[in-house]
Amino acid sequence: MKIIAYTYEADYHCIDCTNKRFGATPTYRIHRDNEGNLIDVVLSIDEWQELDESYLAENPTQYLACGDCHEIIDEYTIESEAIA
């Protein structure tokens, strides 16, 4: 289980952009964003994908991208048999 991203200001952010914004520290849950929300982690086992079957039928590959630099953080592809 590793940290792949952080959530703040109603978006996902990569580790590099989060470090630039808040500093490199493992205690992100003590920081607050501009909206007053605590910064939280997204772990490699967390479900960030949209798993609704009708959405998956049209979007079998989904990407988790950073809200700042727009780099792809993670990718999820469902097998076509799973949504048939």
PDB file of N, CA and C in Angstrom:
ATOM      1  N   MET A   1       0.842  -1.173   0.000  1.00  0.00           N
ATOM      2  CA  MET A   1       0.000   0.000   0.000  1.00  0.00           C
ATOM      3  C   MET A   1       0.892   1.241   0.000  1.00  0.00           C
ATOM      4  N   LYS A   2       0.773   2.035  -1.050  1.00  0.00           N
ATOM      5  CA  LYS A   2       1.579   3.249  -1.102  1.00  0.00           C
ATOM      6  C   LYS A   2       0.689   4.430  -1.464  1.00  0.00           C
ATOM      7  N   ILE A   3       1.151   5.613  -1.117  1.00  0.00           N
ATOM      8  CA  ILE A   3       0.430   6.836  -1.460  1.00  0.00           C
ATOM      9  C   ILE A   3       0.674   7.122  -2.938  1.00  0.00           C
ATOM     10  N   ILE A   4      -0.439   7.319  -3.695  1.00  0.00           N
ATOM     11  CA  ILE A   4      -0.298   7.645  -5.113  1.00  0.00           C
ATOM     12  C   ILE A   4      -0.700   9.087  -5.412  1.00  0.00           C
ATOM     13  N   ALA A   5      -1.484   9.680  -4.515  1.00  0.00           N
ATOM     14  CA  ALA A   5      -1.968  11.044  -4.740  1.00  0.00           C
ATOM     15  C   ALA A   5      -2.509  11.604  -3.434  1.00  0.00           C
ATOM     16  N   TYR A   6      -2.927  12.864  -3.509  1.00  0.00           N
ATOM     17  CA  TYR A   6      -3.575  13.531  -2.382  1.00  0.00           C
ATOM     18  C   TYR A   6      -4.837  14.200  -2.889  1.00  0.00           C
ATOM     19  N   THR A   7      -5.777  14.410  -1.988  1.00  0.00           N
ATOM     20  CA  THR A   7      -6.990  15.146  -2.346  1.00  0.00           C
ATOM     21  C   THR A   7      -7.036  16.431  -1.539  1.00  0.00           C
ATOM     22  N   TYR A   8      -7.321  17.516  -2.252  1.00  0.00           N
ATOM     23  CA  TYR A   8      -7.591  18.817  -1.642  1.00  0.00           C
ATOM     24  C   TYR A   8      -8.214  19.708  -2.697  1.00  0.00           C
ATOM     25  N   GLU A   9      -8.928  20.700  -2.218  1.00  0.00           N
ATOM     26  CA  GLU A   9      -9.649  21.637  -3.085  1.00  0.00           C
ATOM     27  C   GLU A   9     -10.472  20.918  -4.153  1.00  0.00           C
ATOM     28  N   ALA A  10     -11.182  19.866  -3.722  1.00  0.00           N
ATOM     29  CA  ALA A  10     -12.125  19.109  -4.545  1.00  0.00           C
ATOM     30  C   ALA A  10     -11.486  18.513  -5.795  1.00  0.00           C
ATOM     31  N   ASP A  11     -10.216  18.082  -5.675  1.00  0.00           N
ATOM     32  CA  ASP A  11      -9.534  17.484  -6.816  1.00  0.00           C
ATOM     33  C   ASP A  11      -8.429  16.562  -6.312  1.00  0.00           C
ATOM     34  N   TYR A  12      -7.894  15.783  -7.235  1.00  0.00           N
ATOM     35  CA  TYR A  12      -6.747  14.926  -6.948  1.00  0.00           C
ATOM     36  C   TYR A  12      -5.483  15.660  -7.374  1.00  0.00           C
ATOM     37  N   HIS A  13      -4.378  15.399  -6.637  1.00  0.00           N
ATOM     38  CA  HIS A  13      -3.109  16.056  -6.935  1.00  0.00           C
ATOM     39  C   HIS A  13      -1.975  15.055  -6.758  1.00  0.00           C
ATOM     40  N   CYS A  14      -0.984  15.132  -7.647  1.00  0.00           N
ATOM     41  CA  CYS A  14       0.154  14.227  -7.567  1.00  0.00           C
ATOM     42  C   CYS A  14       1.021  14.581  -6.356  1.00  0.00           C
ATOM     43  N   ILE A  15       1.918  13.686  -6.035  1.00  0.00           N
ATOM     44  CA  ILE A  15       2.790  13.874  -4.874  1.00  0.00           C
ATOM     45  C   ILE A  15       3.692  15.099  -5.063  1.00  0.00           C
ATOM     46  N   ASP A  16       4.272  15.260  -6.260  1.00  0.00           N
ATOM     47  CA  ASP A  16       5.171  16.398  -6.496  1.00  0.00           C
ATOM     48  C   ASP A  16       4.462  17.738  -6.323  1.00  0.00           C
ATOM     49  N   CYS A  17       3.267  17.875  -6.908  1.00  0.00           N
ATOM     50  CA  CYS A  17       2.534  19.145  -6.789  1.00  0.00           C
ATOM     51  C   CYS A  17       2.102  19.403  -5.347  1.00  0.00           C
ATOM     52  N   THR A  18       1.742  18.350  -4.637  1.00  0.00           N
ATOM     53  CA  THR A  18       1.358  18.502  -3.232  1.00  0.00           C
ATOM     54  C   THR A  18       2.557  18.926  -2.401  1.00  0.00           C
ATOM     55  N   ASN A  19       3.721  18.321  -2.662  1.00  0.00           N
ATOM     56  CA  ASN A  19       4.941  18.705  -1.945  1.00  0.00           C
ATOM     57  C   ASN A  19       5.313  20.154  -2.225  1.00  0.00           C
ATOM     58  N   LYS A  20       5.162  20.604  -3.464  1.00  0.00           N
ATOM     59  CA  LYS A  20       5.465  21.992  -3.802  1.00  0.00           C
ATOM     60  C   LYS A  20       4.535  22.948  -3.062  1.00  0.00           C
ATOM     61  N   ARG A  21       3.299  22.541  -2.906  1.00  0.00           N
ATOM     62  CA  ARG A  21       2.296  23.411  -2.277  1.00  0.00           C
ATOM     63  C   ARG A  21       2.406  23.442  -0.763  1.00  0.00           C
ATOM     64  N   PHE A  22       2.593  22.259  -0.143  1.00  0.00           N
ATOM     65  CA  PHE A  22       2.526  22.165   1.319  1.00  0.00           C
ATOM     66  C   PHE A  22       3.842  21.771   1.980  1.00  0.00           C
ATOM     67  N   GLY A  23       4.859  21.452   1.197  1.00  0.00           N
ATOM     68  CA  GLY A  23       6.123  21.004   1.761  1.00  0.00           C
ATOM     69  C   GLY A  23       6.149  19.498   1.918  1.00  0.00           C
ATOM     70  N   ALA A  24       7.322  18.931   1.887  1.00  0.00           N
ATOM     71  CA  ALA A  24       7.482  17.479   1.988  1.00  0.00           C
ATOM     72  C   ALA A  24       7.378  17.053   3.445  1.00  0.00           C
ATOM     73  N   THR A  25       6.247  16.523   3.810  1.00  0.00           N
ATOM     74  CA  THR A  25       6.021  16.036   5.173  1.00  0.00           C
ATOM     75  C   THR A  25       5.014  14.902   5.137  1.00  0.00           C
ATOM     76  N   PRO A  26       5.198  13.876   5.937  1.00  0.00           N
ATOM     77  CA  PRO A  26       4.247  12.762   5.930  1.00  0.00           C
ATOM     78  C   PRO A  26       2.949  13.054   6.688  1.00  0.00           C
ATOM     79  N   THR A  27       2.816  14.226   7.267  1.00  0.00           N
ATOM     80  CA  THR A  27       1.647  14.533   8.089  1.00  0.00           C
ATOM     81  C   THR A  27       0.696  15.489   7.375  1.00  0.00           C
ATOM     82  N   TYR A  28       0.281  15.121   6.170  1.00  0.00           N
ATOM     83  CA  TYR A  28      -0.589  16.002   5.390  1.00  0.00           C
ATOM     84  C   TYR A  28      -1.945  16.219   6.042  1.00  0.00           C
ATOM     85  N   ARG A  29      -2.381  15.307   6.864  1.00  0.00           N
ATOM     86  CA  ARG A  29      -3.710  15.441   7.461  1.00  0.00           C
ATOM     87  C   ARG A  29      -3.799  16.587   8.464  1.00  0.00           C
ATOM     88  N   ILE A  30      -2.676  17.235   8.747  1.00  0.00           N
ATOM     89  CA  ILE A  30      -2.734  18.408   9.626  1.00  0.00           C
ATOM     90  C   ILE A  30      -2.865  19.692   8.818  1.00  0.00           C
ATOM     91  N   HIS A  31      -2.627  19.625   7.510  1.00  0.00           N
ATOM     92  CA  HIS A  31      -2.732  20.795   6.642  1.00  0.00           C
ATOM     93  C   HIS A  31      -4.165  20.961   6.154  1.00  0.00           C
ATOM     94  N   ARG A  32      -4.549  22.190   5.903  1.00  0.00           N
ATOM     95  CA  ARG A  32      -5.870  22.482   5.345  1.00  0.00           C
ATOM     96  C   ARG A  32      -5.699  23.223   4.022  1.00  0.00           C
ATOM     97  N   ASP A  33      -6.624  22.949   3.084  1.00  0.00           N
ATOM     98  CA  ASP A  33      -6.579  23.642   1.798  1.00  0.00           C
ATOM     99  C   ASP A  33      -7.283  24.990   1.908  1.00  0.00           C
ATOM    100  N   ASN A  34      -7.413  25.683   0.784  1.00  0.00           N
ATOM    101  CA  ASN A  34      -8.048  27.006   0.780  1.00  0.00           C
ATOM    102  C   ASN A  34      -9.528  26.960   1.135  1.00  0.00           C
ATOM    103  N   GLU A  35     -10.129  25.771   1.074  1.00  0.00           N
ATOM    104  CA  GLU A  35     -11.544  25.608   1.413  1.00  0.00           C
ATOM    105  C   GLU A  35     -11.736  25.162   2.863  1.00  0.00           C
ATOM    106  N   GLY A  36     -10.640  25.012   3.596  1.00  0.00           N
ATOM    107  CA  GLY A  36     -10.713  24.608   4.994  1.00  0.00           C
ATOM    108  C   GLY A  36     -10.762  23.107   5.220  1.00  0.00           C
ATOM    109  N   ASN A  37     -10.625  22.333   4.148  1.00  0.00           N
ATOM    110  CA  ASN A  37     -10.661  20.875   4.266  1.00  0.00           C
ATOM    111  C   ASN A  37      -9.268  20.321   4.536  1.00  0.00           C
ATOM    112  N   LEU A  38      -9.228  19.229   5.291  1.00  0.00           N
ATOM    113  CA  LEU A  38      -7.957  18.563   5.545  1.00  0.00           C
ATOM    114  C   LEU A  38      -7.453  17.904   4.269  1.00  0.00           C
ATOM    115  N   ILE A  39      -6.140  17.932   4.066  1.00  0.00           N
ATOM    116  CA  ILE A  39      -5.513  17.231   2.952  1.00  0.00           C
ATOM    117  C   ILE A  39      -5.577  15.742   3.293  1.00  0.00           C
ATOM    118  N   ASP A  40      -5.946  14.910   2.330  1.00  0.00           N
ATOM    119  CA  ASP A  40      -6.021  13.473   2.594  1.00  0.00           C
ATOM    120  C   ASP A  40      -5.242  12.715   1.532  1.00  0.00           C
ATOM    121  N   VAL A  41      -4.895  11.488   1.850  1.00  0.00           N
ATOM    122  CA  VAL A  41      -4.115  10.653   0.943  1.00  0.00           C
ATOM    123  C   VAL A  41      -5.024   9.774   0.094  1.00  0.00           C
ATOM    124  N   VAL A  42      -4.526   9.404  -1.078  1.00  0.00           N
ATOM    125  CA  VAL A  42      -5.145   8.382  -1.918  1.00  0.00           C
ATOM    126  C   VAL A  42      -4.118   7.261  -1.995  1.00  0.00           C
ATOM    127  N   LEU A  43      -4.505   6.102  -1.506  1.00  0.00           N
ATOM    128  CA  LEU A  43      -3.603   4.960  -1.487  1.00  0.00           C
ATOM    129  C   LEU A  43      -3.781   4.104  -2.738  1.00  0.00           C
ATOM    130  N   SER A  44      -2.796   3.283  -3.026  1.00  0.00           N
ATOM    131  CA  SER A  44      -2.845   2.416  -4.201  1.00  0.00           C
ATOM    132  C   SER A  44      -4.033   1.458  -4.164  1.00  0.00           C
ATOM    133  N   ILE A  45      -4.601   1.194  -2.999  1.00  0.00           N
ATOM    134  CA  ILE A  45      -5.748   0.288  -2.890  1.00  0.00           C
ATOM    135  C   ILE A  45      -7.093   1.029  -2.887  1.00  0.00           C
ATOM    136  N   ASP A  46      -7.061   2.351  -2.877  1.00  0.00           N
ATOM    137  CA  ASP A  46      -8.299   3.132  -2.869  1.00  0.00           C
ATOM    138  C   ASP A  46      -8.977   3.100  -4.233  1.00  0.00           C
ATOM    139  N   GLU A  47     -10.301   3.128  -4.227  1.00  0.00           N
ATOM    140  CA  GLU A  47     -11.068   3.166  -5.468  1.00  0.00           C
ATOM    141  C   GLU A  47     -11.379   4.607  -5.826  1.00  0.00           C
ATOM    142  N   TRP A  48     -10.734   5.114  -6.846  1.00  0.00           N
ATOM    143  CA  TRP A  48     -10.983   6.464  -7.336  1.00  0.00           C
ATOM    144  C   TRP A  48     -11.821   6.425  -8.611  1.00  0.00           C
ATOM    145  N   GLN A  49     -11.973   5.232  -9.189  1.00  0.00           N
ATOM    146  CA  GLN A  49     -12.650   5.075 -10.473  1.00  0.00           C
ATOM    147  C   GLN A  49     -14.161   5.251 -10.348  1.00  0.00           C
ATOM    148  N   GLU A  50     -14.775   5.612 -11.469  1.00  0.00           N
ATOM    149  CA  GLU A  50     -16.238   5.628 -11.584  1.00  0.00           C
ATOM    150  C   GLU A  50     -16.637   4.225 -12.019  1.00  0.00           C
ATOM    151  N   LEU A  51     -17.314   3.475 -11.149  1.00  0.00           N
ATOM    152  CA  LEU A  51     -17.602   2.070 -11.420  1.00  0.00           C
ATOM    153  C   LEU A  51     -19.027   1.816 -11.883  1.00  0.00           C
ATOM    154  N   ASP A  52     -19.780   2.859 -12.208  1.00  0.00           N
ATOM    155  CA  ASP A  52     -21.133   2.698 -12.729  1.00  0.00           C
ATOM    156  C   ASP A  52     -21.056   2.001 -14.088  1.00  0.00           C
ATOM    157  N   GLU A  53     -21.861   0.936 -14.280  1.00  0.00           N
ATOM    158  CA  GLU A  53     -21.777   0.133 -15.503  1.00  0.00           C
ATOM    159  C   GLU A  53     -22.046   0.937 -16.767  1.00  0.00           C
ATOM    160  N   SER A  54     -23.009   1.848 -16.736  1.00  0.00           N
ATOM    161  CA  SER A  54     -23.295   2.633 -17.935  1.00  0.00           C
ATOM    162  C   SER A  54     -22.129   3.562 -18.267  1.00  0.00           C
ATOM    163  N   TYR A  55     -21.455   4.073 -17.251  1.00  0.00           N
ATOM    164  CA  TYR A  55     -20.284   4.930 -17.483  1.00  0.00           C
ATOM    165  C   TYR A  55     -19.128   4.094 -18.028  1.00  0.00           C
ATOM    166  N   LEU A  56     -18.920   2.912 -17.449  1.00  0.00           N
ATOM    167  CA  LEU A  56     -17.828   2.053 -17.885  1.00  0.00           C
ATOM    168  C   LEU A  56     -18.004   1.576 -19.315  1.00  0.00           C
ATOM    169  N   ALA A  57     -19.249   1.375 -19.746  1.00  0.00           N
ATOM    170  CA  ALA A  57     -19.497   0.938 -21.116  1.00  0.00           C
ATOM    171  C   ALA A  57     -18.965   1.966 -22.113  1.00  0.00           C
ATOM    172  N   GLU A  58     -19.060   3.239 -21.770  1.00  0.00           N
ATOM    173  CA  GLU A  58     -18.595   4.310 -22.655  1.00  0.00           C
ATOM    174  C   GLU A  58     -17.138   4.696 -22.371  1.00  0.00           C
ATOM    175  N   ASN A  59     -16.656   4.391 -21.173  1.00  0.00           N
ATOM    176  CA  ASN A  59     -15.310   4.800 -20.753  1.00  0.00           C
ATOM    177  C   ASN A  59     -14.580   3.623 -20.104  1.00  0.00           C
ATOM    178  N   PRO A  60     -14.201   2.612 -20.888  1.00  0.00           N
ATOM    179  CA  PRO A  60     -13.571   1.431 -20.283  1.00  0.00           C
ATOM    180  C   PRO A  60     -12.202   1.721 -19.672  1.00  0.00           C
ATOM    181  N   THR A  61     -11.530   2.777 -20.141  1.00  0.00           N
ATOM    182  CA  THR A  61     -10.264   3.190 -19.546  1.00  0.00           C
ATOM    183  C   THR A  61     -10.455   4.562 -18.928  1.00  0.00           C
ATOM    184  N   GLN A  62     -10.106   4.643 -17.655  1.00  0.00           N
ATOM    185  CA  GLN A  62     -10.226   5.901 -16.921  1.00  0.00           C
ATOM    186  C   GLN A  62      -8.858   6.288 -16.386  1.00  0.00           C
ATOM    187  N   TYR A  63      -8.638   7.590 -16.265  1.00  0.00           N
ATOM    188  CA  TYR A  63      -7.353   8.102 -15.821  1.00  0.00           C
ATOM    189  C   TYR A  63      -7.538   8.983 -14.597  1.00  0.00           C
ATOM    190  N   LEU A  64      -6.621   8.826 -13.649  1.00  0.00           N
ATOM    191  CA  LEU A  64      -6.552   9.715 -12.501  1.00  0.00           C
ATOM    192  C   LEU A  64      -5.436  10.706 -12.809  1.00  0.00           C
ATOM    193  N   ALA A  65      -5.789  11.967 -12.992  1.00  0.00           N
ATOM    194  CA  ALA A  65      -4.812  12.983 -13.371  1.00  0.00           C
ATOM    195  C   ALA A  65      -4.714  14.050 -12.290  1.00  0.00           C
ATOM    196  N   CYS A  66      -3.555  14.650 -12.193  1.00  0.00           N
ATOM    197  CA  CYS A  66      -3.305  15.718 -11.236  1.00  0.00           C
ATOM    198  C   CYS A  66      -4.075  16.975 -11.645  1.00  0.00           C
ATOM    199  N   GLY A  67      -4.741  17.590 -10.703  1.00  0.00           N
ATOM    200  CA  GLY A  67      -5.491  18.806 -10.962  1.00  0.00           C
ATOM    201  C   GLY A  67      -4.618  20.025 -11.194  1.00  0.00           C
ATOM    202  N   ASP A  68      -3.313  19.912 -10.891  1.00  0.00           N
ATOM    203  CA  ASP A  68      -2.387  21.033 -11.107  1.00  0.00           C
ATOM    204  C   ASP A  68      -1.598  20.861 -12.405  1.00  0.00           C
ATOM    205  N   CYS A  69      -0.789  19.808 -12.485  1.00  0.00           N
ATOM    206  CA  CYS A  69       0.101  19.629 -13.639  1.00  0.00           C
ATOM    207  C   CYS A  69      -0.526  18.765 -14.738  1.00  0.00           C
ATOM    208  N   HIS A  70      -1.642  18.126 -14.442  1.00  0.00           N
ATOM    209  CA  HIS A  70      -2.404  17.295 -15.385  1.00  0.00           C
ATOM    210  C   HIS A  70      -1.692  16.017 -15.808  1.00  0.00           C
ATOM    211  N   GLU A  71      -0.632  15.640 -15.118  1.00  0.00           N
ATOM    212  CA  GLU A  71       0.041  14.371 -15.394  1.00  0.00           C
ATOM    213  C   GLU A  71      -0.856  13.217 -14.941  1.00  0.00           C
ATOM    214  N   ILE A  72      -0.771  12.098 -15.646  1.00  0.00           N
ATOM    215  CA  ILE A  72      -1.544  10.908 -15.285  1.00  0.00           C
ATOM    216  C   ILE A  72      -0.896  10.280 -14.053  1.00  0.00           C
ATOM    217  N   ILE A  73      -1.694  10.067 -13.016  1.00  0.00           N
ATOM    218  CA  ILE A  73      -1.226   9.465 -11.769  1.00  0.00           C
ATOM    219  C   ILE A  73      -1.467   7.961 -11.789  1.00  0.00           C
ATOM    220  N   ASP A  74      -2.644   7.559 -12.273  1.00  0.00           N
ATOM    221  CA  ASP A  74      -3.021   6.146 -12.295  1.00  0.00           C
ATOM    222  C   ASP A  74      -3.984   5.924 -13.446  1.00  0.00           C
ATOM    223  N   GLU A  75      -4.123   4.678 -13.842  1.00  0.00           N
ATOM    224  CA  GLU A  75      -5.005   4.305 -14.951  1.00  0.00           C
ATOM    225  C   GLU A  75      -5.792   3.063 -14.554  1.00  0.00           C
ATOM    226  N   TYR A  76      -7.027   2.994 -14.981  1.00  0.00           N
ATOM    227  CA  TYR A  76      -7.896   1.849 -14.700  1.00  0.00           C
ATOM    228  C   TYR A  76      -8.605   1.449 -15.984  1.00  0.00           C
ATOM    229  N   THR A  77      -8.462   0.181 -16.380  1.00  0.00           N
ATOM    230  CA  THR A  77      -9.146  -0.348 -17.549  1.00  0.00           C
ATOM    231  C   THR A  77      -9.918  -1.586 -17.140  1.00  0.00           C
ATOM    232  N   ILE A  78     -11.195  -1.610 -17.476  1.00  0.00           N
ATOM    233  CA  ILE A  78     -12.011  -2.782 -17.186  1.00  0.00           C
ATOM    234  C   ILE A  78     -12.079  -3.652 -18.433  1.00  0.00           C
ATOM    235  N   GLU A  79     -12.064  -4.953 -18.211  1.00  0.00           N
ATOM    236  CA  GLU A  79     -12.180  -5.887 -19.324  1.00  0.00           C
ATOM    237  C   GLU A  79     -13.588  -5.781 -19.910  1.00  0.00           C
ATOM    238  N   SER A  80     -13.708  -5.825 -21.222  1.00  0.00           N
ATOM    239  CA  SER A  80     -15.006  -5.654 -21.874  1.00  0.00           C
ATOM    240  C   SER A  80     -16.010  -6.727 -21.460  1.00  0.00           C
ATOM    241  N   GLU A  81     -15.553  -7.929 -21.133  1.00  0.00           N
ATOM    242  CA  GLU A  81     -16.477  -8.985 -20.688  1.00  0.00           C
ATOM    243  C   GLU A  81     -17.147  -8.642 -19.356  1.00  0.00           C
ATOM    244  N   ALA A  82     -16.468  -7.851 -18.543  1.00  0.00           N
ATOM    245  CA  ALA A  82     -16.987  -7.512 -17.213  1.00  0.00           C
ATOM    246  C   ALA A  82     -18.172  -6.552 -17.284  1.00  0.00           C
ATOM    247  N   ILE A  83     -18.338  -5.827 -18.407  1.00  0.00           N
ATOM    248  CA  ILE A  83     -19.441  -4.883 -18.504  1.00  0.00           C
ATOM    249  C   ILE A  83     -20.482  -5.336 -19.508  1.00  0.00           C
ATOM    250  N   ALA A  84     -20.295  -6.519 -20.071  1.00  0.00           N
ATOM    251  CA  ALA A  84     -21.255  -7.027 -21.060  1.00  0.00           C
ATOM    252  C   ALA A  84     -22.500  -7.585 -20.397  1.00  0.00           C
TER     253      ALA A  84
END
